[in-house]
């Protein structure tokens, strides 16, 4: 398509990082997501006469977050200065996604992804099947993508794995008849 796009992307996260880099020129708080196709070379067995094998095109969900927390964060203790986002902020988003999709038996284990900071990353599992990795972007990757010295939180999940782990039927609670009381 262009000189910058000579190969097909193997990760949706790469394009999200590119978009985030351009947004960070104008804003300090950036939160993005993208659902798109990644293209992975397939290992199809066959003869040369079958022709070239087409790449697999799994859908991926990529999430990018950087900036500061909102004012109503429980551990700020009334601090005037806003605190930067950290790993647990992203983990809360992932837990909310898992809860909204009614995923059961979700667990976490340390991630082995090279683009994530070791010790500040995890793999989401539904049952024993890995769904995707999330955590703090490795500082060398952030520097290579011109994202600066700030803490960058990223995630990438296999959409088909999320759909497979989502139950077809689930119980729900009706919408409350009266609005919630937010203060006494």
Protein backbone atom coordinates (compact mmCIF):
# COMPACT_ATOMS: atom_id res chain seq x y z
CA UNK A 1 0.00 0.00 0.00
CA UNK A 2 2.84 2.37 0.88
CA UNK A 3 6.58 2.28 1.54
CA UNK A 4 5.87 1.96 5.30
CA UNK A 5 3.60 -1.05 4.69
CA UNK A 6 5.77 -3.48 2.76
CA UNK A 7 4.83 -6.48 4.97
CA UNK A 8 1.56 -7.56 6.55
CA UNK A 9 1.30 -6.98 10.29
CA UNK A 10 1.80 -9.91 12.62
CA UNK A 11 0.41 -7.99 15.58
CA UNK A 12 -2.40 -5.45 15.89
CA UNK A 13 -0.48 -3.89 18.76
CA UNK A 14 2.13 -2.51 16.34
CA UNK A 15 -0.42 -0.29 14.59
CA UNK A 16 -1.92 0.80 17.92
CA UNK A 17 1.54 1.90 19.10
CA UNK A 18 1.95 3.91 15.91
CA UNK A 19 -1.40 5.65 16.42
CA UNK A 20 -0.59 6.27 20.09
CA UNK A 21 2.75 7.87 19.19
CA UNK A 22 1.00 10.44 17.01
CA UNK A 23 -1.67 11.08 19.69
CA UNK A 24 0.94 11.56 22.43
CA UNK A 25 2.27 14.60 20.57
CA UNK A 26 -0.96 16.41 21.51
CA UNK A 27 -2.14 14.78 24.76
CA UNK A 28 -0.69 13.21 27.88
CA UNK A 29 -3.60 10.82 28.55
CA UNK A 30 -4.22 8.36 25.73
CA UNK A 31 -6.38 5.26 25.86
CA UNK A 32 -6.94 3.29 22.64
CA UNK A 33 -8.11 -0.09 21.47
CA UNK A 34 -8.36 -1.79 18.11
CA UNK A 35 -9.88 -5.03 16.89
CA UNK A 36 -8.26 -6.15 13.67
CA UNK A 37 -6.59 -8.93 11.77
CA UNK A 38 -3.03 -10.11 12.25
CA UNK A 39 -1.40 -12.17 9.52
CA UNK A 40 0.63 -15.19 10.56
CA UNK A 41 2.41 -17.48 8.15
CA UNK A 42 0.60 -20.81 8.08
CA UNK A 43 2.47 -24.08 8.20
CA UNK A 44 0.34 -25.93 5.66
CA UNK A 45 1.68 -29.23 4.48
CA UNK A 46 1.38 -29.85 0.78
CA UNK A 47 3.25 -30.04 -2.45
CA UNK A 48 4.65 -27.16 -4.44
CA UNK A 49 1.90 -27.68 -7.02
CA UNK A 50 -0.70 -26.63 -4.41
CA UNK A 51 0.59 -23.07 -4.77
CA UNK A 52 1.67 -20.73 -2.00
CA UNK A 53 -0.13 -21.08 1.29
CA UNK A 54 -2.13 -18.11 2.48
CA UNK A 55 -1.39 -16.70 5.92
CA UNK A 56 -3.74 -17.33 8.81
CA UNK A 57 -5.67 -14.17 9.72
CA UNK A 58 -6.74 -14.37 13.36
CA UNK A 59 -8.55 -11.39 14.88
CA UNK A 60 -6.83 -9.63 17.76
CA UNK A 61 -7.90 -7.08 20.36
CA UNK A 62 -5.15 -4.59 21.24
CA UNK A 63 -5.39 -2.11 24.14
CA UNK A 64 -3.11 0.87 24.86
CA UNK A 65 -3.22 3.07 27.99
CA UNK A 66 -1.00 5.81 29.35
CA UNK A 67 -1.58 8.88 31.49
CA UNK A 68 -2.88 9.54 34.96
CA UNK A 69 -5.62 8.03 37.12
CA UNK A 70 -8.96 9.68 37.63
CA UNK A 71 -9.65 11.71 40.76
CA UNK A 72 -11.60 8.99 42.57
CA UNK A 73 -8.85 6.43 43.10
CA UNK A 74 -8.87 4.76 46.50
CA UNK A 75 -5.12 4.76 47.22
CA UNK A 76 -4.45 8.41 46.35
CA UNK A 77 -5.45 9.52 49.85
CA UNK A 78 -6.64 12.92 48.66
CA UNK A 79 -3.37 13.79 46.92
CA UNK A 80 -3.54 16.92 44.76
CA UNK A 81 -1.13 15.52 42.18
CA UNK A 82 -2.57 12.86 39.90
CA UNK A 83 -0.81 9.50 39.95
CA UNK A 84 0.30 7.75 36.73
CA UNK A 85 -1.46 4.61 35.55
CA UNK A 86 0.19 1.34 36.56
CA UNK A 87 -0.10 -2.39 35.89
CA UNK A 88 -3.05 -2.81 38.26
CA UNK A 89 -5.10 -0.21 36.39
CA UNK A 90 -4.79 -2.30 33.22
CA UNK A 91 -5.45 -5.49 35.17
CA UNK A 92 -8.69 -3.92 36.41
CA UNK A 93 -9.74 -3.23 32.82
CA UNK A 94 -8.93 -6.85 31.88
CA UNK A 95 -10.89 -8.17 34.88
CA UNK A 96 -13.88 -6.00 33.91
CA UNK A 97 -13.69 -7.33 30.34
CA UNK A 98 -13.57 -10.93 31.63
CA UNK A 99 -16.51 -10.27 33.95
CA UNK A 100 -18.58 -8.59 31.22
CA UNK A 101 -17.93 -11.54 28.88
CA UNK A 102 -18.89 -13.93 31.72
CA UNK A 103 -15.59 -15.79 31.47
CA UNK A 104 -15.25 -18.41 34.17
CA UNK A 105 -12.14 -19.90 35.71
CA UNK A 106 -9.83 -17.04 34.69
CA UNK A 107 -6.32 -17.09 36.08
CA UNK A 108 -3.08 -15.23 35.47
CA UNK A 109 0.49 -16.35 35.06
CA UNK A 110 3.69 -14.42 34.34
CA UNK A 111 3.96 -13.49 30.67
CA UNK A 112 6.91 -14.51 28.54
CA UNK A 113 6.32 -11.93 25.78
CA UNK A 114 9.52 -10.13 24.78
CA UNK A 115 7.77 -6.78 24.23
CA UNK A 116 6.50 -6.65 27.84
CA UNK A 117 8.44 -5.67 30.96
CA UNK A 118 9.40 -8.82 32.93
CA UNK A 119 7.75 -8.82 36.34
CA UNK A 120 5.12 -6.28 35.24
CA UNK A 121 3.18 -8.44 32.81
CA UNK A 122 0.82 -11.40 32.80
CA UNK A 123 -0.96 -13.87 30.58
CA UNK A 124 -4.73 -14.24 30.94
CA UNK A 125 -5.91 -17.85 30.97
CA UNK A 126 -9.49 -19.07 30.67
CA UNK A 127 -9.39 -22.59 32.00
CA UNK A 128 -5.95 -23.71 30.86
CA UNK A 129 -6.10 -21.90 27.50
CA UNK A 130 -4.11 -18.68 27.05
CA UNK A 131 -6.22 -15.76 25.84
CA UNK A 132 -3.52 -13.08 25.57
CA UNK A 133 -0.79 -11.06 27.28
CA UNK A 134 -0.92 -7.68 29.00
CA UNK A 135 1.31 -5.46 31.08
CA UNK A 136 3.83 -2.64 30.99
CA UNK A 137 5.52 -2.16 27.63
CA UNK A 138 9.27 -2.82 27.84
CA UNK A 139 11.16 0.52 27.99
CA UNK A 140 13.35 -0.44 25.01
CA UNK A 141 10.27 -1.06 22.87
CA UNK A 142 8.71 2.22 24.04
CA UNK A 143 11.91 4.08 23.20
CA UNK A 144 12.13 2.45 19.74
CA UNK A 145 8.53 3.54 19.03
CA UNK A 146 9.20 7.15 20.21
CA UNK A 147 6.76 6.87 23.13
CA UNK A 148 9.00 8.63 25.65
CA UNK A 149 9.81 7.74 29.24
CA UNK A 150 6.23 7.39 30.50
CA UNK A 151 4.67 4.14 31.65
CA UNK A 152 2.89 2.46 28.72
CA UNK A 153 0.29 -0.24 29.39
CA UNK A 154 -0.59 -2.61 26.55
CA UNK A 155 -2.58 -5.78 25.98
CA UNK A 156 -3.24 -8.07 23.05
CA UNK A 157 -5.85 -10.84 23.07
CA UNK A 158 -7.00 -13.45 20.58
CA UNK A 159 -10.62 -12.60 19.79
CA UNK A 160 -11.46 -16.17 18.77
CA UNK A 161 -10.12 -17.44 22.13
CA UNK A 162 -12.25 -14.85 23.95
CA UNK A 163 -15.32 -15.96 22.00
CA UNK A 164 -14.61 -19.64 22.64
CA UNK A 165 -14.33 -18.99 26.39
CA UNK A 166 -17.54 -16.93 26.51
CA UNK A 167 -20.54 -19.06 27.50
CA UNK A 168 -23.46 -19.22 25.09
CA UNK A 169 -25.90 -18.76 27.96
CA UNK A 170 -25.44 -17.08 31.30
CA UNK A 171 -27.63 -15.84 34.11
CA UNK A 172 -28.16 -12.14 34.62
CA UNK A 173 -29.65 -9.75 37.13
CA UNK A 174 -32.41 -7.39 36.02
CA UNK A 175 -31.78 -3.65 35.97
CA UNK A 176 -32.59 -2.20 39.43
CA UNK A 177 -35.98 -0.57 39.73
CA UNK A 178 -34.61 2.38 41.72
CA UNK A 179 -31.42 4.35 41.01
CA UNK A 180 -28.35 3.67 43.14
CA UNK A 181 -27.69 5.88 46.17
CA UNK A 182 -24.11 7.10 45.82
CA UNK A 183 -24.00 8.85 49.21
CA UNK A 184 -25.70 8.53 52.58
